[in-house]
Amino acid sequence: MSEKIKTYQEFYEFYLDEHKKLGTRIFHFLGILFIFLVIGFVIYTGKERFLWYIPIVGYGFAWLSHAFIERNKPATFKYPLWSLLSDFKLFFELLIGRQKFRTQEKA
């Protein structure tokens, strides 16, 4: 990614290319799922002190997958909002079957 990405569509294509491996997609999916579980837990119990778990589970799973599975650098630092939006977009696309966990790339 040497040139600056100008549109979200360009970014999302780049994002999907950086999230090809099965393990990466599973880790990202679990990270977002745990975010929703933490939010649900906080709403149900009223224990707001657990909200600080959100960035830990969200970014923790994602960054581990980039470091040890995909072996690339997360786009979070260069495109933080588009990266966050794409994490949720991929989660929902995996959930409804628009994207597959296993891509054509060898994991």
PDB file of N, CA and C in Angstrom:
ATOM      1  N   MET A   1       0.855  -1.171   0.000  1.00  0.00           N
ATOM      2  CA  MET A   1       0.000   0.000   0.000  1.00  0.00           C
ATOM      3  C   MET A   1       0.900   1.232   0.000  1.00  0.00           C
ATOM      4  N   SER A   2       1.510   1.503  -1.153  1.00  0.00           N
ATOM      5  CA  SER A   2       2.417   2.635  -1.226  1.00  0.00           C
ATOM      6  C   SER A   2       1.692   3.933  -1.551  1.00  0.00           C
ATOM      7  N   GLU A   3       0.635   3.862  -2.343  1.00  0.00           N
ATOM      8  CA  GLU A   3      -0.091   5.090  -2.659  1.00  0.00           C
ATOM      9  C   GLU A   3      -1.285   5.263  -1.731  1.00  0.00           C
ATOM     10  N   LYS A   4      -1.680   6.514  -1.563  1.00  0.00           N
ATOM     11  CA  LYS A   4      -2.782   6.840  -0.654  1.00  0.00           C
ATOM     12  C   LYS A   4      -4.109   6.367  -1.245  1.00  0.00           C
ATOM     13  N   ILE A   5      -4.886   5.706  -0.431  1.00  0.00           N
ATOM     14  CA  ILE A   5      -6.215   5.242  -0.838  1.00  0.00           C
ATOM     15  C   ILE A   5      -7.182   6.405  -0.674  1.00  0.00           C
ATOM     16  N   LYS A   6      -8.002   6.637  -1.694  1.00  0.00           N
ATOM     17  CA  LYS A   6      -8.866   7.820  -1.690  1.00  0.00           C
ATOM     18  C   LYS A   6     -10.332   7.527  -1.368  1.00  0.00           C
ATOM     19  N   THR A   7     -10.801   6.321  -1.675  1.00  0.00           N
ATOM     20  CA  THR A   7     -12.212   6.015  -1.434  1.00  0.00           C
ATOM     21  C   THR A   7     -12.337   4.815  -0.502  1.00  0.00           C
ATOM     22  N   TYR A   8     -13.490   4.729   0.140  1.00  0.00           N
ATOM     23  CA  TYR A   8     -13.711   3.588   1.027  1.00  0.00           C
ATOM     24  C   TYR A   8     -13.743   2.282   0.238  1.00  0.00           C
ATOM     25  N   GLN A   9     -14.308   2.295  -0.958  1.00  0.00           N
ATOM     26  CA  GLN A   9     -14.357   1.075  -1.774  1.00  0.00           C
ATOM     27  C   GLN A   9     -12.947   0.559  -2.071  1.00  0.00           C
ATOM     28  N   GLU A  10     -12.041   1.473  -2.422  1.00  0.00           N
ATOM     29  CA  GLU A  10     -10.640   1.085  -2.637  1.00  0.00           C
ATOM     30  C   GLU A  10     -10.059   0.485  -1.355  1.00  0.00           C
ATOM     31  N   PHE A  11     -10.358   1.147  -0.241  1.00  0.00           N
ATOM     32  CA  PHE A  11      -9.825   0.660   1.030  1.00  0.00           C
ATOM     33  C   PHE A  11     -10.362  -0.725   1.345  1.00  0.00           C
ATOM     34  N   TYR A  12     -11.661  -0.947   1.149  1.00  0.00           N
ATOM     35  CA  TYR A  12     -12.245  -2.238   1.513  1.00  0.00           C
ATOM     36  C   TYR A  12     -11.658  -3.368   0.662  1.00  0.00           C
ATOM     37  N   GLU A  13     -11.374  -3.092  -0.601  1.00  0.00           N
ATOM     38  CA  GLU A  13     -10.715  -4.097  -1.439  1.00  0.00           C
ATOM     39  C   GLU A  13      -9.327  -4.420  -0.878  1.00  0.00           C
ATOM     40  N   PHE A  14      -8.592  -3.377  -0.477  1.00  0.00           N
ATOM     41  CA  PHE A  14      -7.286  -3.574   0.154  1.00  0.00           C
ATOM     42  C   PHE A  14      -7.448  -4.354   1.463  1.00  0.00           C
ATOM     43  N   TYR A  15      -8.440  -3.982   2.261  1.00  0.00           N
ATOM     44  CA  TYR A  15      -8.710  -4.625   3.548  1.00  0.00           C
ATOM     45  C   TYR A  15      -8.955  -6.124   3.360  1.00  0.00           C
ATOM     46  N   LEU A  16      -9.803  -6.474   2.394  1.00  0.00           N
ATOM     47  CA  LEU A  16     -10.093  -7.892   2.150  1.00  0.00           C
ATOM     48  C   LEU A  16      -8.840  -8.641   1.706  1.00  0.00           C
ATOM     49  N   ASP A  17      -7.997  -7.975   0.938  1.00  0.00           N
ATOM     50  CA  ASP A  17      -6.747  -8.591   0.503  1.00  0.00           C
ATOM     51  C   ASP A  17      -5.812  -8.855   1.684  1.00  0.00           C
ATOM     52  N   GLU A  18      -5.905  -8.028   2.709  1.00  0.00           N
ATOM     53  CA  GLU A  18      -5.075  -8.182   3.906  1.00  0.00           C
ATOM     54  C   GLU A  18      -5.702  -9.133   4.933  1.00  0.00           C
ATOM     55  N   HIS A  19      -6.878  -9.658   4.621  1.00  0.00           N
ATOM     56  CA  HIS A  19      -7.608 -10.558   5.526  1.00  0.00           C
ATOM     57  C   HIS A  19      -8.052 -11.807   4.769  1.00  0.00           C
ATOM     58  N   LYS A  20      -7.113 -12.461   4.110  1.00  0.00           N
ATOM     59  CA  LYS A  20      -7.437 -13.611   3.266  1.00  0.00           C
ATOM     60  C   LYS A  20      -7.471 -14.933   4.022  1.00  0.00           C
ATOM     61  N   LYS A  21      -6.626 -15.059   5.002  1.00  0.00           N
ATOM     62  CA  LYS A  21      -6.449 -16.367   5.641  1.00  0.00           C
ATOM     63  C   LYS A  21      -7.587 -16.691   6.609  1.00  0.00           C
ATOM     64  N   LEU A  22      -7.910 -17.966   6.652  1.00  0.00           N
ATOM     65  CA  LEU A  22      -8.995 -18.458   7.504  1.00  0.00           C
ATOM     66  C   LEU A  22      -8.815 -18.018   8.953  1.00  0.00           C
ATOM     67  N   GLY A  23      -7.632 -18.203   9.502  1.00  0.00           N
ATOM     68  CA  GLY A  23      -7.387 -17.839  10.898  1.00  0.00           C
ATOM     69  C   GLY A  23      -7.583 -16.360  11.164  1.00  0.00           C
ATOM     70  N   THR A  24      -7.152 -15.535  10.227  1.00  0.00           N
ATOM     71  CA  THR A  24      -7.323 -14.086  10.381  1.00  0.00           C
ATOM     72  C   THR A  24      -8.798 -13.727  10.433  1.00  0.00           C
ATOM     73  N   ARG A  25      -9.559 -14.297   9.536  1.00  0.00           N
ATOM     74  CA  ARG A  25     -10.998 -13.998   9.505  1.00  0.00           C
ATOM     75  C   ARG A  25     -11.697 -14.508  10.766  1.00  0.00           C
ATOM     76  N   ILE A  26     -11.303 -15.676  11.235  1.00  0.00           N
ATOM     77  CA  ILE A  26     -11.897 -16.206  12.468  1.00  0.00           C
ATOM     78  C   ILE A  26     -11.560 -15.304  13.650  1.00  0.00           C
ATOM     79  N   PHE A  27     -10.297 -14.912  13.777  1.00  0.00           N
ATOM     80  CA  PHE A  27      -9.898 -14.050  14.893  1.00  0.00           C
ATOM     81  C   PHE A  27     -10.618 -12.708  14.847  1.00  0.00           C
ATOM     82  N   HIS A  28     -10.740 -12.107  13.664  1.00  0.00           N
ATOM     83  CA  HIS A  28     -11.454 -10.836  13.553  1.00  0.00           C
ATOM     84  C   HIS A  28     -12.931 -11.015  13.913  1.00  0.00           C
ATOM     85  N   PHE A  29     -13.522 -12.087  13.424  1.00  0.00           N
ATOM     86  CA  PHE A  29     -14.927 -12.365  13.725  1.00  0.00           C
ATOM     87  C   PHE A  29     -15.129 -12.520  15.231  1.00  0.00           C
ATOM     88  N   LEU A  30     -14.260 -13.286  15.874  1.00  0.00           N
ATOM     89  CA  LEU A  30     -14.375 -13.484  17.326  1.00  0.00           C
ATOM     90  C   LEU A  30     -14.181 -12.176  18.089  1.00  0.00           C
ATOM     91  N   GLY A  31     -13.249 -11.354  17.654  1.00  0.00           N
ATOM     92  CA  GLY A  31     -13.025 -10.065  18.315  1.00  0.00           C
ATOM     93  C   GLY A  31     -14.278  -9.200  18.307  1.00  0.00           C
ATOM     94  N   ILE A  32     -14.928  -9.104  17.147  1.00  0.00           N
ATOM     95  CA  ILE A  32     -16.154  -8.297  17.049  1.00  0.00           C
ATOM     96  C   ILE A  32     -17.286  -8.960  17.834  1.00  0.00           C
ATOM     97  N   LEU A  33     -17.385 -10.275  17.757  1.00  0.00           N
ATOM     98  CA  LEU A  33     -18.407 -10.991  18.528  1.00  0.00           C
ATOM     99  C   LEU A  33     -18.247 -10.715  20.021  1.00  0.00           C
ATOM    100  N   PHE A  34     -17.017 -10.764  20.518  1.00  0.00           N
ATOM    101  CA  PHE A  34     -16.775 -10.490  21.940  1.00  0.00           C
ATOM    102  C   PHE A  34     -17.087  -9.044  22.302  1.00  0.00           C
ATOM    103  N   ILE A  35     -16.896  -8.122  21.365  1.00  0.00           N
ATOM    104  CA  ILE A  35     -17.300  -6.730  21.617  1.00  0.00           C
ATOM    105  C   ILE A  35     -18.799  -6.682  21.896  1.00  0.00           C
ATOM    106  N   PHE A  36     -19.585  -7.339  21.045  1.00  0.00           N
ATOM    107  CA  PHE A  36     -21.038  -7.354  21.250  1.00  0.00           C
ATOM    108  C   PHE A  36     -21.411  -8.059  22.556  1.00  0.00           C
ATOM    109  N   LEU A  37     -20.694  -9.115  22.896  1.00  0.00           N
ATOM    110  CA  LEU A  37     -20.972  -9.812  24.158  1.00  0.00           C
ATOM    111  C   LEU A  37     -20.659  -8.929  25.364  1.00  0.00           C
ATOM    112  N   VAL A  38     -19.564  -8.188  25.305  1.00  0.00           N
ATOM    113  CA  VAL A  38     -19.223  -7.271  26.403  1.00  0.00           C
ATOM    114  C   VAL A  38     -20.293  -6.193  26.531  1.00  0.00           C
ATOM    115  N   ILE A  39     -20.711  -5.620  25.406  1.00  0.00           N
ATOM    116  CA  ILE A  39     -21.757  -4.587  25.445  1.00  0.00           C
ATOM    117  C   ILE A  39     -23.041  -5.163  26.032  1.00  0.00           C
ATOM    118  N   GLY A  40     -23.423  -6.360  25.593  1.00  0.00           N
ATOM    119  CA  GLY A  40     -24.616  -7.006  26.141  1.00  0.00           C
ATOM    120  C   GLY A  40     -24.498  -7.266  27.629  1.00  0.00           C
ATOM    121  N   PHE A  41     -23.331  -7.712  28.064  1.00  0.00           N
ATOM    122  CA  PHE A  41     -23.092  -7.958  29.485  1.00  0.00           C
ATOM    123  C   PHE A  41     -23.236  -6.669  30.288  1.00  0.00           C
ATOM    124  N   VAL A  42     -22.650  -5.591  29.783  1.00  0.00           N
ATOM    125  CA  VAL A  42     -22.718  -4.301  30.482  1.00  0.00           C
ATOM    126  C   VAL A  42     -24.161  -3.806  30.549  1.00  0.00           C
ATOM    127  N   ILE A  43     -24.892  -3.935  29.461  1.00  0.00           N
ATOM    128  CA  ILE A  43     -26.301  -3.510  29.460  1.00  0.00           C
ATOM    129  C   ILE A  43     -27.109  -4.359  30.439  1.00  0.00           C
ATOM    130  N   TYR A  44     -26.884  -5.671  30.425  1.00  0.00           N
ATOM    131  CA  TYR A  44     -27.647  -6.580  31.276  1.00  0.00           C
ATOM    132  C   TYR A  44     -27.337  -6.383  32.757  1.00  0.00           C
ATOM    133  N   THR A  45     -26.062  -6.213  33.083  1.00  0.00           N
ATOM    134  CA  THR A  45     -25.665  -6.148  34.493  1.00  0.00           C
ATOM    135  C   THR A  45     -25.523  -4.729  35.023  1.00  0.00           C
ATOM    136  N   GLY A  46     -25.365  -3.761  34.127  1.00  0.00           N
ATOM    137  CA  GLY A  46     -25.120  -2.386  34.553  1.00  0.00           C
ATOM    138  C   GLY A  46     -23.692  -2.150  35.035  1.00  0.00           C
ATOM    139  N   LYS A  47     -22.815  -3.103  34.824  1.00  0.00           N
ATOM    140  CA  LYS A  47     -21.422  -2.988  35.281  1.00  0.00           C
ATOM    141  C   LYS A  47     -20.575  -2.317  34.195  1.00  0.00           C
ATOM    142  N   GLU A  48     -20.641  -0.990  34.178  1.00  0.00           N
ATOM    143  CA  GLU A  48     -19.960  -0.219  33.141  1.00  0.00           C
ATOM    144  C   GLU A  48     -18.446  -0.344  33.197  1.00  0.00           C
ATOM    145  N   ARG A  49     -17.920  -0.767  34.315  1.00  0.00           N
ATOM    146  CA  ARG A  49     -16.462  -0.887  34.430  1.00  0.00           C
ATOM    147  C   ARG A  49     -15.896  -1.918  33.445  1.00  0.00           C
ATOM    148  N   PHE A  50     -16.739  -2.764  32.889  1.00  0.00           N
ATOM    149  CA  PHE A  50     -16.271  -3.761  31.927  1.00  0.00           C
ATOM    150  C   PHE A  50     -16.177  -3.220  30.504  1.00  0.00           C
ATOM    151  N   LEU A  51     -16.579  -1.971  30.285  1.00  0.00           N
ATOM    152  CA  LEU A  51     -16.493  -1.384  28.948  1.00  0.00           C
ATOM    153  C   LEU A  51     -15.052  -1.296  28.448  1.00  0.00           C
ATOM    154  N   TRP A  52     -14.103  -1.203  29.350  1.00  0.00           N
ATOM    155  CA  TRP A  52     -12.707  -1.116  28.913  1.00  0.00           C
ATOM    156  C   TRP A  52     -12.219  -2.415  28.272  1.00  0.00           C
ATOM    157  N   TYR A  53     -12.986  -3.490  28.389  1.00  0.00           N
ATOM    158  CA  TYR A  53     -12.640  -4.743  27.705  1.00  0.00           C
ATOM    159  C   TYR A  53     -12.809  -4.617  26.186  1.00  0.00           C
ATOM    160  N   ILE A  54     -13.651  -3.687  25.739  1.00  0.00           N
ATOM    161  CA  ILE A  54     -13.977  -3.587  24.314  1.00  0.00           C
ATOM    162  C   ILE A  54     -12.732  -3.422  23.438  1.00  0.00           C
ATOM    163  N   PRO A  55     -11.877  -2.432  23.679  1.00  0.00           N
ATOM    164  CA  PRO A  55     -10.698  -2.332  22.798  1.00  0.00           C
ATOM    165  C   PRO A  55      -9.732  -3.503  22.964  1.00  0.00           C
ATOM    166  N   ILE A  56      -9.703  -4.097  24.143  1.00  0.00           N
ATOM    167  CA  ILE A  56      -8.791  -5.223  24.363  1.00  0.00           C
ATOM    168  C   ILE A  56      -9.209  -6.420  23.516  1.00  0.00           C
ATOM    169  N   VAL A  57     -10.477  -6.786  23.564  1.00  0.00           N
ATOM    170  CA  VAL A  57     -10.914  -7.950  22.784  1.00  0.00           C
ATOM    171  C   VAL A  57     -10.986  -7.616  21.299  1.00  0.00           C
ATOM    172  N   GLY A  58     -11.440  -6.423  20.977  1.00  0.00           N
ATOM    173  CA  GLY A  58     -11.558  -6.041  19.571  1.00  0.00           C
ATOM    174  C   GLY A  58     -10.212  -5.977  18.873  1.00  0.00           C
ATOM    175  N   TYR A  59      -9.321  -5.169  19.403  1.00  0.00           N
ATOM    176  CA  TYR A  59      -8.006  -5.021  18.779  1.00  0.00           C
ATOM    177  C   TYR A  59      -7.084  -6.188  19.096  1.00  0.00           C
ATOM    178  N   GLY A  60      -7.220  -6.769  20.262  1.00  0.00           N
ATOM    179  CA  GLY A  60      -6.346  -7.873  20.644  1.00  0.00           C
ATOM    180  C   GLY A  60      -6.412  -9.036  19.676  1.00  0.00           C
ATOM    181  N   PHE A  61      -7.607  -9.511  19.397  1.00  0.00           N
ATOM    182  CA  PHE A  61      -7.765 -10.624  18.464  1.00  0.00           C
ATOM    183  C   PHE A  61      -7.273 -10.245  17.071  1.00  0.00           C
ATOM    184  N   ALA A  62      -7.632  -9.043  16.627  1.00  0.00           N
ATOM    185  CA  ALA A  62      -7.247  -8.609  15.281  1.00  0.00           C
ATOM    186  C   ALA A  62      -5.733  -8.509  15.141  1.00  0.00           C
ATOM    187  N   TRP A  63      -5.092  -7.839  16.075  1.00  0.00           N
ATOM    188  CA  TRP A  63      -3.647  -7.634  15.963  1.00  0.00           C
ATOM    189  C   TRP A  63      -2.878  -8.939  16.098  1.00  0.00           C
ATOM    190  N   LEU A  64      -3.341  -9.834  16.952  1.00  0.00           N
ATOM    191  CA  LEU A  64      -2.689 -11.145  17.048  1.00  0.00           C
ATOM    192  C   LEU A  64      -2.749 -11.886  15.714  1.00  0.00           C
ATOM    193  N   SER A  65      -3.898 -11.798  15.058  1.00  0.00           N
ATOM    194  CA  SER A  65      -4.031 -12.501  13.778  1.00  0.00           C
ATOM    195  C   SER A  65      -3.118 -11.898  12.717  1.00  0.00           C
ATOM    196  N   HIS A  66      -2.956 -10.586  12.731  1.00  0.00           N
ATOM    197  CA  HIS A  66      -2.058  -9.969  11.749  1.00  0.00           C
ATOM    198  C   HIS A  66      -0.608 -10.347  12.032  1.00  0.00           C
ATOM    199  N   ALA A  67      -0.237 -10.400  13.286  1.00  0.00           N
ATOM    200  CA  ALA A  67       1.148 -10.699  13.651  1.00  0.00           C
ATOM    201  C   ALA A  67       1.515 -12.161  13.406  1.00  0.00           C
ATOM    202  N   PHE A  68       0.626 -13.083  13.752  1.00  0.00           N
ATOM    203  CA  PHE A  68       0.999 -14.494  13.750  1.00  0.00           C
ATOM    204  C   PHE A  68       0.357 -15.338  12.652  1.00  0.00           C
ATOM    205  N   ILE A  69      -0.694 -14.857  12.028  1.00  0.00           N
ATOM    206  CA  ILE A  69      -1.364 -15.653  10.993  1.00  0.00           C
ATOM    207  C   ILE A  69      -1.157 -15.026   9.615  1.00  0.00           C
ATOM    208  N   GLU A  70      -1.632 -13.807   9.455  1.00  0.00           N
ATOM    209  CA  GLU A  70      -1.552 -13.143   8.150  1.00  0.00           C
ATOM    210  C   GLU A  70      -0.141 -12.612   7.888  1.00  0.00           C
ATOM    211  N   ARG A  71       0.577 -12.311   8.961  1.00  0.00           N
ATOM    212  CA  ARG A  71       1.942 -11.775   8.891  1.00  0.00           C
ATOM    213  C   ARG A  71       2.014 -10.492   8.065  1.00  0.00           C
ATOM    214  N   ASN A  72       1.133  -9.566   8.421  1.00  0.00           N
ATOM    215  CA  ASN A  72       1.162  -8.243   7.810  1.00  0.00           C
ATOM    216  C   ASN A  72       0.864  -7.202   8.879  1.00  0.00           C
ATOM    217  N   LYS A  73       0.873  -5.957   8.482  1.00  0.00           N
ATOM    218  CA  LYS A  73       0.679  -4.860   9.424  1.00  0.00           C
ATOM    219  C   LYS A  73      -0.769  -4.381   9.348  1.00  0.00           C
ATOM    220  N   PRO A  74      -1.462  -4.261  10.484  1.00  0.00           N
ATOM    221  CA  PRO A  74      -2.846  -3.785  10.450  1.00  0.00           C
ATOM    222  C   PRO A  74      -2.943  -2.380   9.856  1.00  0.00           C
ATOM    223  N   ALA A  75      -4.021  -2.137   9.126  1.00  0.00           N
ATOM    224  CA  ALA A  75      -4.249  -0.820   8.522  1.00  0.00           C
ATOM    225  C   ALA A  75      -4.794   0.177   9.539  1.00  0.00           C
ATOM    226  N   THR A  76      -4.980  -0.256  10.768  1.00  0.00           N
ATOM    227  CA  THR A  76      -5.570   0.576  11.821  1.00  0.00           C
ATOM    228  C   THR A  76      -4.824   1.889  12.010  1.00  0.00           C
ATOM    229  N   PHE A  77      -3.517   1.851  11.892  1.00  0.00           N
ATOM    230  CA  PHE A  77      -2.720   3.032  12.196  1.00  0.00           C
ATOM    231  C   PHE A  77      -2.795   4.084  11.094  1.00  0.00           C
ATOM    232  N   LYS A  78      -2.911   3.651   9.839  1.00  0.00           N
ATOM    233  CA  LYS A  78      -2.955   4.599   8.723  1.00  0.00           C
ATOM    234  C   LYS A  78      -4.383   5.028   8.388  1.00  0.00           C
ATOM    235  N   TYR A  79      -5.335   4.123   8.536  1.00  0.00           N
ATOM    236  CA  TYR A  79      -6.745   4.384   8.208  1.00  0.00           C
ATOM    237  C   TYR A  79      -7.626   3.909   9.364  1.00  0.00           C
ATOM    238  N   PRO A  80      -7.576   4.573  10.515  1.00  0.00           N
ATOM    239  CA  PRO A  80      -8.260   4.039  11.706  1.00  0.00           C
ATOM    240  C   PRO A  80      -9.776   3.905  11.564  1.00  0.00           C
ATOM    241  N   LEU A  81     -10.450   4.897  11.013  1.00  0.00           N
ATOM    242  CA  LEU A  81     -11.918   4.815  10.922  1.00  0.00           C
ATOM    243  C   LEU A  81     -12.362   3.810   9.872  1.00  0.00           C
ATOM    244  N   TRP A  82     -11.731   3.843   8.709  1.00  0.00           N
ATOM    245  CA  TRP A  82     -12.085   2.878   7.670  1.00  0.00           C
ATOM    246  C   TRP A  82     -11.772   1.453   8.122  1.00  0.00           C
ATOM    247  N   SER A  83     -10.706   1.290   8.851  1.00  0.00           N
ATOM    248  CA  SER A  83     -10.341  -0.030   9.359  1.00  0.00           C
ATOM    249  C   SER A  83     -11.383  -0.547  10.349  1.00  0.00           C
ATOM    250  N   LEU A  84     -11.797   0.314  11.264  1.00  0.00           N
ATOM    251  CA  LEU A  84     -12.821  -0.074  12.240  1.00  0.00           C
ATOM    252  C   LEU A  84     -14.140  -0.401  11.541  1.00  0.00           C
ATOM    253  N   LEU A  85     -14.547   0.455  10.608  1.00  0.00           N
ATOM    254  CA  LEU A  85     -15.772   0.211   9.846  1.00  0.00           C
ATOM    255  C   LEU A  85     -15.676  -1.120   9.096  1.00  0.00           C
ATOM    256  N   SER A  86     -14.524  -1.390   8.522  1.00  0.00           N
ATOM    257  CA  SER A  86     -14.339  -2.622   7.753  1.00  0.00           C
ATOM    258  C   SER A  86     -14.361  -3.865   8.633  1.00  0.00           C
ATOM    259  N   ASP A  87     -13.862  -3.752   9.859  1.00  0.00           N
ATOM    260  CA  ASP A  87     -13.946  -4.882  10.788  1.00  0.00           C
ATOM    261  C   ASP A  87     -15.403  -5.275  11.013  1.00  0.00           C
ATOM    262  N   PHE A  88     -16.251  -4.279  11.229  1.00  0.00           N
ATOM    263  CA  PHE A  88     -17.672  -4.562  11.452  1.00  0.00           C
ATOM    264  C   PHE A  88     -18.350  -5.024  10.162  1.00  0.00           C
ATOM    265  N   LYS A  89     -17.986  -4.405   9.042  1.00  0.00           N
ATOM    266  CA  LYS A  89     -18.572  -4.808   7.757  1.00  0.00           C
ATOM    267  C   LYS A  89     -18.235  -6.264   7.457  1.00  0.00           C
ATOM    268  N   LEU A  90     -16.962  -6.647   7.626  1.00  0.00           N
ATOM    269  CA  LEU A  90     -16.571  -8.037   7.380  1.00  0.00           C
ATOM    270  C   LEU A  90     -17.297  -8.981   8.340  1.00  0.00           C
ATOM    271  N   PHE A  91     -17.429  -8.587   9.602  1.00  0.00           N
ATOM    272  CA  PHE A  91     -18.147  -9.410  10.573  1.00  0.00           C
ATOM    273  C   PHE A  91     -19.560  -9.720  10.071  1.00  0.00           C
ATOM    274  N   PHE A  92     -20.291  -8.675   9.671  1.00  0.00           N
ATOM    275  CA  PHE A  92     -21.671  -8.891   9.236  1.00  0.00           C
ATOM    276  C   PHE A  92     -21.732  -9.635   7.900  1.00  0.00           C
ATOM    277  N   GLU A  93     -20.787  -9.385   7.009  1.00  0.00           N
ATOM    278  CA  GLU A  93     -20.764 -10.124   5.747  1.00  0.00           C
ATOM    279  C   GLU A  93     -20.453 -11.606   5.975  1.00  0.00           C
ATOM    280  N   LEU A  94     -19.592 -11.909   6.923  1.00  0.00           N
ATOM    281  CA  LEU A  94     -19.341 -13.310   7.279  1.00  0.00           C
ATOM    282  C   LEU A  94     -20.577 -13.929   7.928  1.00  0.00           C
ATOM    283  N   LEU A  95     -21.237 -13.166   8.769  1.00  0.00           N
ATOM    284  CA  LEU A  95     -22.418 -13.648   9.483  1.00  0.00           C
ATOM    285  C   LEU A  95     -23.544 -14.023   8.522  1.00  0.00           C
ATOM    286  N   ILE A  96     -23.771 -13.204   7.496  1.00  0.00           N
ATOM    287  CA  ILE A  96     -24.877 -13.466   6.564  1.00  0.00           C
ATOM    288  C   ILE A  96     -24.450 -14.284   5.348  1.00  0.00           C
ATOM    289  N   GLY A  97     -23.162 -14.604   5.245  1.00  0.00           N
ATOM    290  CA  GLY A  97     -22.686 -15.439   4.151  1.00  0.00           C
ATOM    291  C   GLY A  97     -22.257 -14.700   2.899  1.00  0.00           C
ATOM    292  N   ARG A  98     -22.227 -13.391   2.921  1.00  0.00           N
ATOM    293  CA  ARG A  98     -21.777 -12.626   1.752  1.00  0.00           C
ATOM    294  C   ARG A  98     -20.272 -12.824   1.526  1.00  0.00           C
ATOM    295  N   GLN A  99     -19.540 -12.959   2.615  1.00  0.00           N
ATOM    296  CA  GLN A  99     -18.120 -13.317   2.561  1.00  0.00           C
ATOM    297  C   GLN A  99     -17.988 -14.713   3.170  1.00  0.00           C
ATOM    298  N   LYS A 100     -16.965 -15.420   2.762  1.00  0.00           N
ATOM    299  CA  LYS A 100     -16.694 -16.754   3.295  1.00  0.00           C
ATOM    300  C   LYS A 100     -15.506 -16.683   4.249  1.00  0.00           C
ATOM    301  N   PHE A 101     -15.517 -17.545   5.256  1.00  0.00           N
ATOM    302  CA  PHE A 101     -14.366 -17.615   6.150  1.00  0.00           C
ATOM    303  C   PHE A 101     -13.150 -18.141   5.391  1.00  0.00           C
ATOM    304  N   ARG A 102     -13.377 -19.127   4.563  1.00  0.00           N
ATOM    305  CA  ARG A 102     -12.276 -19.719   3.793  1.00  0.00           C
ATOM    306  C   ARG A 102     -12.312 -19.118   2.391  1.00  0.00           C
ATOM    307  N   THR A 103     -11.237 -18.417   2.025  1.00  0.00           N
ATOM    308  CA  THR A 103     -11.153 -17.825   0.689  1.00  0.00           C
ATOM    309  C   THR A 103     -10.379 -18.773  -0.217  1.00  0.00           C
ATOM    310  N   GLN A 104     -10.155 -18.366  -1.445  1.00  0.00           N
ATOM    311  CA  GLN A 104      -9.406 -19.187  -2.397  1.00  0.00           C
ATOM    312  C   GLN A 104      -7.928 -19.261  -2.046  1.00  0.00           C
ATOM    313  N   GLU A 105      -7.461 -18.309  -1.236  1.00  0.00           N
ATOM    314  CA  GLU A 105      -6.056 -18.303  -0.828  1.00  0.00           C
ATOM    315  C   GLU A 105      -5.785 -19.469   0.103  1.00  0.00           C
ATOM    316  N   LYS A 106      -4.609 -20.012   0.018  1.00  0.00           N
ATOM    317  CA  LYS A 106      -4.218 -21.074   0.953  1.00  0.00           C
ATOM    318  C   LYS A 106      -3.949 -20.455   2.309  1.00  0.00           C
ATOM    319  N   ALA A 107      -4.531 -21.031   3.361  1.00  0.00           N
ATOM    320  CA  ALA A 107      -4.336 -20.519   4.722  1.00  0.00           C
ATOM    321  C   ALA A 107      -3.079 -21.039   5.222  1.00  0.00           C
TER     322      ALA A 107
END
